[in-house]
């Protein structure tokens, strides 16, 4: 099992010169398994980092401070999730330009959780992975709050529009209770500022290949 730390901020770091510095610092921490830096409306930001163990995720900020790093922005939320699912899509390996975050606030009932997992893996997931331009989908689960965060990564915002249409087209199966399928509580689309899917391999920054001097 891997873990995800999702931090949201009022703004993202000022100046693109800070982005490679932030990425290089975090990717050097023990247990690092990936990074996604996002910018939303009015420069509101989010940082999603992936880690091999829960302690690695928990100690990441402490290690950054020990390395001399100070948060360049004010963090508005900070949660650690289990990575419940992580699936590559048809455009795996391509530059990522946009991300969609769908948040299911907890606590979800056991019935809603079970149906959401089954429908995601058996019905919605296979359809979404085949949308042209889709790169990756991560499903994050918070056992304490009993809530999900769904992260869709795509080549562009237009692809995410197609993902939404694809999800809405998935029919109910026999036994699916529509009352339990209320959809996410919040959905937001972000521009991808930096994406490092595997430790040591920065693939894209604002849709462009990152210079080698920025990778570790």
C-alpha atoms as a PDB file:
ATOM      1  CA  UNK A   1       0.000   0.000   0.000  1.00  0.00           C
ATOM      2  CA  UNK A   2       1.126   3.537  -0.758  1.00  0.00           C
ATOM      3  CA  UNK A   3      -0.049   6.749   0.875  1.00  0.00           C
ATOM      4  CA  UNK A   4      -0.953  10.200  -0.393  1.00  0.00           C
ATOM      5  CA  UNK A   5      -0.620  13.536   1.362  1.00  0.00           C
ATOM      6  CA  UNK A   6      -2.948  16.196  -0.014  1.00  0.00           C
ATOM      7  CA  UNK A   7      -2.268  19.802   1.001  1.00  0.00           C
ATOM      8  CA  UNK A   8      -4.329  22.731  -0.246  1.00  0.00           C
ATOM      9  CA  UNK A   9      -3.208  26.350  -0.215  1.00  0.00           C
ATOM     10  CA  UNK A  10      -4.703  29.777  -0.763  1.00  0.00           C
ATOM     11  CA  UNK A  11      -2.147  30.349  -3.538  1.00  0.00           C
ATOM     12  CA  UNK A  12       0.544  28.342  -5.250  1.00  0.00           C
ATOM     13  CA  UNK A  13       4.237  29.385  -4.908  1.00  0.00           C
ATOM     14  CA  UNK A  14       4.975  32.731  -6.543  1.00  0.00           C
ATOM     15  CA  UNK A  15       7.434  32.471  -9.385  1.00  0.00           C
ATOM     16  CA  UNK A  16       8.012  29.414 -11.527  1.00  0.00           C
ATOM     17  CA  UNK A  17      11.626  29.326 -10.357  1.00  0.00           C
ATOM     18  CA  UNK A  18      10.371  27.990  -7.000  1.00  0.00           C
ATOM     19  CA  UNK A  19       8.615  25.028  -8.614  1.00  0.00           C
ATOM     20  CA  UNK A  20      11.717  22.977  -9.508  1.00  0.00           C
ATOM     21  CA  UNK A  21      13.258  23.812  -6.132  1.00  0.00           C
ATOM     22  CA  UNK A  22      10.167  22.540  -4.321  1.00  0.00           C
ATOM     23  CA  UNK A  23       9.980  19.422  -6.492  1.00  0.00           C
ATOM     24  CA  UNK A  24      13.667  18.604  -6.076  1.00  0.00           C
ATOM     25  CA  UNK A  25      13.526  19.030  -2.306  1.00  0.00           C
ATOM     26  CA  UNK A  26      10.451  16.841  -1.792  1.00  0.00           C
ATOM     27  CA  UNK A  27      11.555  14.139  -4.216  1.00  0.00           C
ATOM     28  CA  UNK A  28      14.749  13.681  -2.207  1.00  0.00           C
ATOM     29  CA  UNK A  29      12.903  12.597   0.939  1.00  0.00           C
ATOM     30  CA  UNK A  30      12.849   8.913   1.970  1.00  0.00           C
ATOM     31  CA  UNK A  31       9.904   6.963   0.612  1.00  0.00           C
ATOM     32  CA  UNK A  32       9.017   9.492  -2.092  1.00  0.00           C
ATOM     33  CA  UNK A  33       6.801   7.976  -4.803  1.00  0.00           C
ATOM     34  CA  UNK A  34       5.389  10.889  -6.804  1.00  0.00           C
ATOM     35  CA  UNK A  35       4.265  14.524  -6.832  1.00  0.00           C
ATOM     36  CA  UNK A  36       1.531  16.646  -8.351  1.00  0.00           C
ATOM     37  CA  UNK A  37       1.479  20.454  -7.983  1.00  0.00           C
ATOM     38  CA  UNK A  38      -1.769  22.143  -9.018  1.00  0.00           C
ATOM     39  CA  UNK A  39      -3.125  25.627  -9.589  1.00  0.00           C
ATOM     40  CA  UNK A  40      -6.845  26.373  -9.527  1.00  0.00           C
ATOM     41  CA  UNK A  41      -8.977  29.497  -9.693  1.00  0.00           C
ATOM     42  CA  UNK A  42      -7.437  32.724  -8.371  1.00  0.00           C
ATOM     43  CA  UNK A  43      -4.108  30.865  -7.985  1.00  0.00           C
ATOM     44  CA  UNK A  44      -5.462  28.611  -5.235  1.00  0.00           C
ATOM     45  CA  UNK A  45      -3.193  25.598  -5.165  1.00  0.00           C
ATOM     46  CA  UNK A  46      -2.848  21.992  -4.106  1.00  0.00           C
ATOM     47  CA  UNK A  47       0.096  19.668  -3.577  1.00  0.00           C
ATOM     48  CA  UNK A  48      -0.413  15.924  -3.777  1.00  0.00           C
ATOM     49  CA  UNK A  49       2.578  13.785  -2.819  1.00  0.00           C
ATOM     50  CA  UNK A  50       2.809   9.985  -2.823  1.00  0.00           C
ATOM     51  CA  UNK A  51       4.796   7.965  -0.273  1.00  0.00           C
ATOM     52  CA  UNK A  52       5.745   4.359   0.310  1.00  0.00           C
ATOM     53  CA  UNK A  53       4.751   4.372   4.006  1.00  0.00           C
ATOM     54  CA  UNK A  54       2.553   6.397   6.336  1.00  0.00           C
ATOM     55  CA  UNK A  55       5.542   7.672   8.398  1.00  0.00           C
ATOM     56  CA  UNK A  56       7.210   8.879   5.180  1.00  0.00           C
ATOM     57  CA  UNK A  57       4.096  10.905   4.365  1.00  0.00           C
ATOM     58  CA  UNK A  58       3.722  12.172   7.921  1.00  0.00           C
ATOM     59  CA  UNK A  59       7.352  13.311   8.251  1.00  0.00           C
ATOM     60  CA  UNK A  60       7.690  14.938   4.823  1.00  0.00           C
ATOM     61  CA  UNK A  61       7.088  18.529   5.979  1.00  0.00           C
ATOM     62  CA  UNK A  62       9.373  18.072   8.982  1.00  0.00           C
ATOM     63  CA  UNK A  63      12.116  16.828   6.677  1.00  0.00           C
ATOM     64  CA  UNK A  64      11.625  19.766   4.335  1.00  0.00           C
ATOM     65  CA  UNK A  65      12.062  22.200   7.227  1.00  0.00           C
ATOM     66  CA  UNK A  66      15.178  20.317   8.338  1.00  0.00           C
ATOM     67  CA  UNK A  67      16.563  20.786   4.821  1.00  0.00           C
ATOM     68  CA  UNK A  68      16.065  24.523   5.187  1.00  0.00           C
ATOM     69  CA  UNK A  69      12.782  24.680   3.330  1.00  0.00           C
ATOM     70  CA  UNK A  70       9.965  26.929   4.520  1.00  0.00           C
ATOM     71  CA  UNK A  71       6.416  26.755   3.155  1.00  0.00           C
ATOM     72  CA  UNK A  72       6.180  29.482   0.462  1.00  0.00           C
ATOM     73  CA  UNK A  73       2.398  29.706   0.959  1.00  0.00           C
ATOM     74  CA  UNK A  74      -0.187  29.275   3.704  1.00  0.00           C
ATOM     75  CA  UNK A  75      -1.536  25.715   3.900  1.00  0.00           C
ATOM     76  CA  UNK A  76      -5.322  25.591   4.309  1.00  0.00           C
ATOM     77  CA  UNK A  77      -5.746  21.810   4.688  1.00  0.00           C
ATOM     78  CA  UNK A  78      -3.431  18.849   5.119  1.00  0.00           C
ATOM     79  CA  UNK A  79      -4.603  15.211   5.102  1.00  0.00           C
ATOM     80  CA  UNK A  80      -2.988  11.797   4.596  1.00  0.00           C
ATOM     81  CA  UNK A  81      -4.882   9.153   2.604  1.00  0.00           C
ATOM     82  CA  UNK A  82      -4.444   5.533   1.653  1.00  0.00           C
ATOM     83  CA  UNK A  83      -4.057   5.043  -2.104  1.00  0.00           C
ATOM     84  CA  UNK A  84      -7.011   2.749  -2.711  1.00  0.00           C
ATOM     85  CA  UNK A  85      -6.455   2.491  -6.469  1.00  0.00           C
ATOM     86  CA  UNK A  86      -3.955   3.807  -9.019  1.00  0.00           C
ATOM     87  CA  UNK A  87      -4.671   3.076 -12.679  1.00  0.00           C
ATOM     88  CA  UNK A  88      -2.849   4.128 -15.838  1.00  0.00           C
ATOM     89  CA  UNK A  89      -5.034   5.147 -18.787  1.00  0.00           C
ATOM     90  CA  UNK A  90      -4.650   5.167 -22.567  1.00  0.00           C
ATOM     91  CA  UNK A  91      -2.352   8.226 -22.562  1.00  0.00           C
ATOM     92  CA  UNK A  92      -0.068   6.959 -19.798  1.00  0.00           C
ATOM     93  CA  UNK A  93       3.376   8.518 -20.081  1.00  0.00           C
ATOM     94  CA  UNK A  94       2.130  11.608 -21.925  1.00  0.00           C
ATOM     95  CA  UNK A  95       2.470  15.151 -20.495  1.00  0.00           C
ATOM     96  CA  UNK A  96      -0.259  16.050 -18.009  1.00  0.00           C
ATOM     97  CA  UNK A  97      -1.895  19.459 -18.356  1.00  0.00           C
ATOM     98  CA  UNK A  98      -5.012  19.262 -16.182  1.00  0.00           C
ATOM     99  CA  UNK A  99      -6.320  17.463 -13.110  1.00  0.00           C
ATOM    100  CA  UNK A 100      -9.797  16.964 -11.675  1.00  0.00           C
ATOM    101  CA  UNK A 101     -10.340  16.422  -7.961  1.00  0.00           C
ATOM    102  CA  UNK A 102     -13.635  14.921  -6.869  1.00  0.00           C
ATOM    103  CA  UNK A 103     -14.113  14.964  -3.090  1.00  0.00           C
ATOM    104  CA  UNK A 104     -16.550  12.673  -1.293  1.00  0.00           C
ATOM    105  CA  UNK A 105     -16.784  14.005   2.252  1.00  0.00           C
ATOM    106  CA  UNK A 106     -17.182  11.464   4.995  1.00  0.00           C
ATOM    107  CA  UNK A 107     -18.415   9.712   6.833  1.00  0.00           C
ATOM    108  CA  UNK A 108     -19.730   7.446   4.087  1.00  0.00           C
ATOM    109  CA  UNK A 109     -21.967   4.609   5.182  1.00  0.00           C
ATOM    110  CA  UNK A 110     -20.658   1.088   4.711  1.00  0.00           C
ATOM    111  CA  UNK A 111     -23.255   0.551   1.970  1.00  0.00           C
ATOM    112  CA  UNK A 112     -22.253   3.689   0.077  1.00  0.00           C
ATOM    113  CA  UNK A 113     -18.558   2.879   0.430  1.00  0.00           C
ATOM    114  CA  UNK A 114     -19.032  -0.656  -0.884  1.00  0.00           C
ATOM    115  CA  UNK A 115     -21.088   0.503  -3.854  1.00  0.00           C
ATOM    116  CA  UNK A 116     -18.665   3.321  -4.666  1.00  0.00           C
ATOM    117  CA  UNK A 117     -15.705   0.926  -4.692  1.00  0.00           C
ATOM    118  CA  UNK A 118     -17.484  -1.677  -6.817  1.00  0.00           C
ATOM    119  CA  UNK A 119     -18.905   0.825  -9.287  1.00  0.00           C
ATOM    120  CA  UNK A 120     -15.577   2.603  -9.584  1.00  0.00           C
ATOM    121  CA  UNK A 121     -13.573  -0.542 -10.270  1.00  0.00           C
ATOM    122  CA  UNK A 122     -16.069  -2.507 -12.349  1.00  0.00           C
ATOM    123  CA  UNK A 123     -18.097   0.129 -14.215  1.00  0.00           C
ATOM    124  CA  UNK A 124     -16.678   3.672 -14.176  1.00  0.00           C
ATOM    125  CA  UNK A 125     -12.944   2.962 -14.060  1.00  0.00           C
ATOM    126  CA  UNK A 126     -12.740   0.874 -17.258  1.00  0.00           C
ATOM    127  CA  UNK A 127     -14.728   3.512 -19.174  1.00  0.00           C
ATOM    128  CA  UNK A 128     -12.689   6.484 -17.917  1.00  0.00           C
ATOM    129  CA  UNK A 129      -9.352   4.805 -18.692  1.00  0.00           C
ATOM    130  CA  UNK A 130     -10.320   4.559 -22.363  1.00  0.00           C
ATOM    131  CA  UNK A 131     -11.131   8.269 -22.819  1.00  0.00           C
ATOM    132  CA  UNK A 132      -8.576   9.652 -25.321  1.00  0.00           C
ATOM    133  CA  UNK A 133      -6.086  11.878 -23.496  1.00  0.00           C
ATOM    134  CA  UNK A 134      -6.635  10.331 -20.064  1.00  0.00           C
ATOM    135  CA  UNK A 135      -3.331   9.639 -18.281  1.00  0.00           C
ATOM    136  CA  UNK A 136      -4.013   8.312 -14.796  1.00  0.00           C
ATOM    137  CA  UNK A 137      -6.634   7.964 -12.065  1.00  0.00           C
ATOM    138  CA  UNK A 138      -5.936   7.759  -8.340  1.00  0.00           C
ATOM    139  CA  UNK A 139      -8.527   6.875  -5.712  1.00  0.00           C
ATOM    140  CA  UNK A 140      -7.627   8.103  -2.222  1.00  0.00           C
ATOM    141  CA  UNK A 141      -9.361   6.812   0.911  1.00  0.00           C
ATOM    142  CA  UNK A 142      -9.321   8.419   4.355  1.00  0.00           C
ATOM    143  CA  UNK A 143     -10.182   5.653   6.859  1.00  0.00           C
ATOM    144  CA  UNK A 144     -10.650   8.087   9.743  1.00  0.00           C
ATOM    145  CA  UNK A 145     -13.070  10.383   7.925  1.00  0.00           C
ATOM    146  CA  UNK A 146     -14.405   7.580   5.715  1.00  0.00           C
ATOM    147  CA  UNK A 147     -14.193   9.740   2.630  1.00  0.00           C
ATOM    148  CA  UNK A 148     -12.729   9.497  -0.877  1.00  0.00           C
ATOM    149  CA  UNK A 149     -10.811  11.827  -3.174  1.00  0.00           C
ATOM    150  CA  UNK A 150     -10.784  10.867  -6.854  1.00  0.00           C
ATOM    151  CA  UNK A 151      -7.932  12.365  -8.915  1.00  0.00           C
ATOM    152  CA  UNK A 152      -8.152  12.263 -12.718  1.00  0.00           C
ATOM    153  CA  UNK A 153      -5.029  13.325 -14.633  1.00  0.00           C
ATOM    154  CA  UNK A 154      -5.379  14.246 -18.299  1.00  0.00           C
ATOM    155  CA  UNK A 155      -3.602  15.964 -21.149  1.00  0.00           C
ATOM    156  CA  UNK A 156      -6.024  18.904 -21.078  1.00  0.00           C
ATOM    157  CA  UNK A 157      -9.142  20.330 -19.455  1.00  0.00           C
ATOM    158  CA  UNK A 158     -11.107  19.357 -22.568  1.00  0.00           C
ATOM    159  CA  UNK A 159     -10.277  15.705 -21.850  1.00  0.00           C
ATOM    160  CA  UNK A 160     -11.682  16.107 -18.341  1.00  0.00           C
ATOM    161  CA  UNK A 161     -14.948  17.378 -19.855  1.00  0.00           C
ATOM    162  CA  UNK A 162     -15.070  14.150 -21.853  1.00  0.00           C
ATOM    163  CA  UNK A 163     -14.383  12.180 -18.667  1.00  0.00           C
ATOM    164  CA  UNK A 164     -17.390  13.802 -16.996  1.00  0.00           C
ATOM    165  CA  UNK A 165     -19.601  12.878 -19.939  1.00  0.00           C
ATOM    166  CA  UNK A 166     -18.255   9.318 -19.883  1.00  0.00           C
ATOM    167  CA  UNK A 167     -18.989   8.930 -16.168  1.00  0.00           C
ATOM    168  CA  UNK A 168     -22.541  10.214 -16.615  1.00  0.00           C
ATOM    169  CA  UNK A 169     -23.110   7.690 -19.411  1.00  0.00           C
ATOM    170  CA  UNK A 170     -22.293   4.640 -17.277  1.00  0.00           C
ATOM    171  CA  UNK A 171     -25.576   2.807 -16.619  1.00  0.00           C
ATOM    172  CA  UNK A 172     -26.674   1.403 -13.300  1.00  0.00           C
ATOM    173  CA  UNK A 173     -26.297  -2.289 -12.716  1.00  0.00           C
ATOM    174  CA  UNK A 174     -28.951  -4.510 -11.223  1.00  0.00           C
ATOM    175  CA  UNK A 175     -28.958  -3.925  -7.490  1.00  0.00           C
ATOM    176  CA  UNK A 176     -27.366  -0.456  -7.639  1.00  0.00           C
ATOM    177  CA  UNK A 177     -29.282   1.895  -5.352  1.00  0.00           C
ATOM    178  CA  UNK A 178     -29.499   5.365  -6.991  1.00  0.00           C
ATOM    179  CA  UNK A 179     -29.981   6.921  -3.553  1.00  0.00           C
ATOM    180  CA  UNK A 180     -26.399   5.888  -2.695  1.00  0.00           C
ATOM    181  CA  UNK A 181     -24.944   7.328  -5.908  1.00  0.00           C
ATOM    182  CA  UNK A 182     -25.039  11.023  -5.120  1.00  0.00           C
ATOM    183  CA  UNK A 183     -21.706  11.885  -6.720  1.00  0.00           C
ATOM    184  CA  UNK A 184     -18.873  13.919  -5.177  1.00  0.00           C
ATOM    185  CA  UNK A 185     -19.555  16.732  -2.737  1.00  0.00           C
ATOM    186  CA  UNK A 186     -17.027  18.992  -4.498  1.00  0.00           C
ATOM    187  CA  UNK A 187     -15.382  18.940  -7.911  1.00  0.00           C
ATOM    188  CA  UNK A 188     -12.530  21.206  -8.990  1.00  0.00           C
ATOM    189  CA  UNK A 189     -10.382  21.382 -12.125  1.00  0.00           C
ATOM    190  CA  UNK A 190      -6.764  22.497 -11.857  1.00  0.00           C
ATOM    191  CA  UNK A 191      -3.891  23.347 -14.156  1.00  0.00           C
ATOM    192  CA  UNK A 192      -0.940  21.030 -13.594  1.00  0.00           C
ATOM    193  CA  UNK A 193       2.168  23.016 -12.692  1.00  0.00           C
ATOM    194  CA  UNK A 194       4.442  20.021 -12.006  1.00  0.00           C
ATOM    195  CA  UNK A 195       4.002  16.272 -12.269  1.00  0.00           C
ATOM    196  CA  UNK A 196       6.470  13.622 -11.152  1.00  0.00           C
ATOM    197  CA  UNK A 197       4.832  10.207 -11.438  1.00  0.00           C
ATOM    198  CA  UNK A 198       7.870   8.183 -10.356  1.00  0.00           C
ATOM    199  CA  UNK A 199      10.685   9.228  -8.028  1.00  0.00           C
ATOM    200  CA  UNK A 200      13.589  10.612 -10.020  1.00  0.00           C
ATOM    201  CA  UNK A 201      11.645  11.108 -13.259  1.00  0.00           C
ATOM    202  CA  UNK A 202      10.015  14.506 -13.669  1.00  0.00           C
ATOM    203  CA  UNK A 203       7.931  14.223 -16.828  1.00  0.00           C
ATOM    204  CA  UNK A 204       6.134  17.496 -17.280  1.00  0.00           C
ATOM    205  CA  UNK A 205       5.926  21.078 -16.112  1.00  0.00           C
ATOM    206  CA  UNK A 206       3.033  23.100 -17.518  1.00  0.00           C
ATOM    207  CA  UNK A 207       2.788  20.631 -20.382  1.00  0.00           C
ATOM    208  CA  UNK A 208       6.481  20.860 -21.359  1.00  0.00           C
ATOM    209  CA  UNK A 209       9.449  18.549 -20.911  1.00  0.00           C
ATOM    210  CA  UNK A 210      11.390  19.552 -17.805  1.00  0.00           C
ATOM    211  CA  UNK A 211      15.104  20.305 -18.282  1.00  0.00           C
ATOM    212  CA  UNK A 212      17.378  17.563 -16.944  1.00  0.00           C
ATOM    213  CA  UNK A 213      18.902  19.929 -14.372  1.00  0.00           C
ATOM    214  CA  UNK A 214      15.505  20.045 -12.630  1.00  0.00           C
ATOM    215  CA  UNK A 215      15.313  16.291 -12.117  1.00  0.00           C
ATOM    216  CA  UNK A 216      17.001  14.298  -9.406  1.00  0.00           C
END
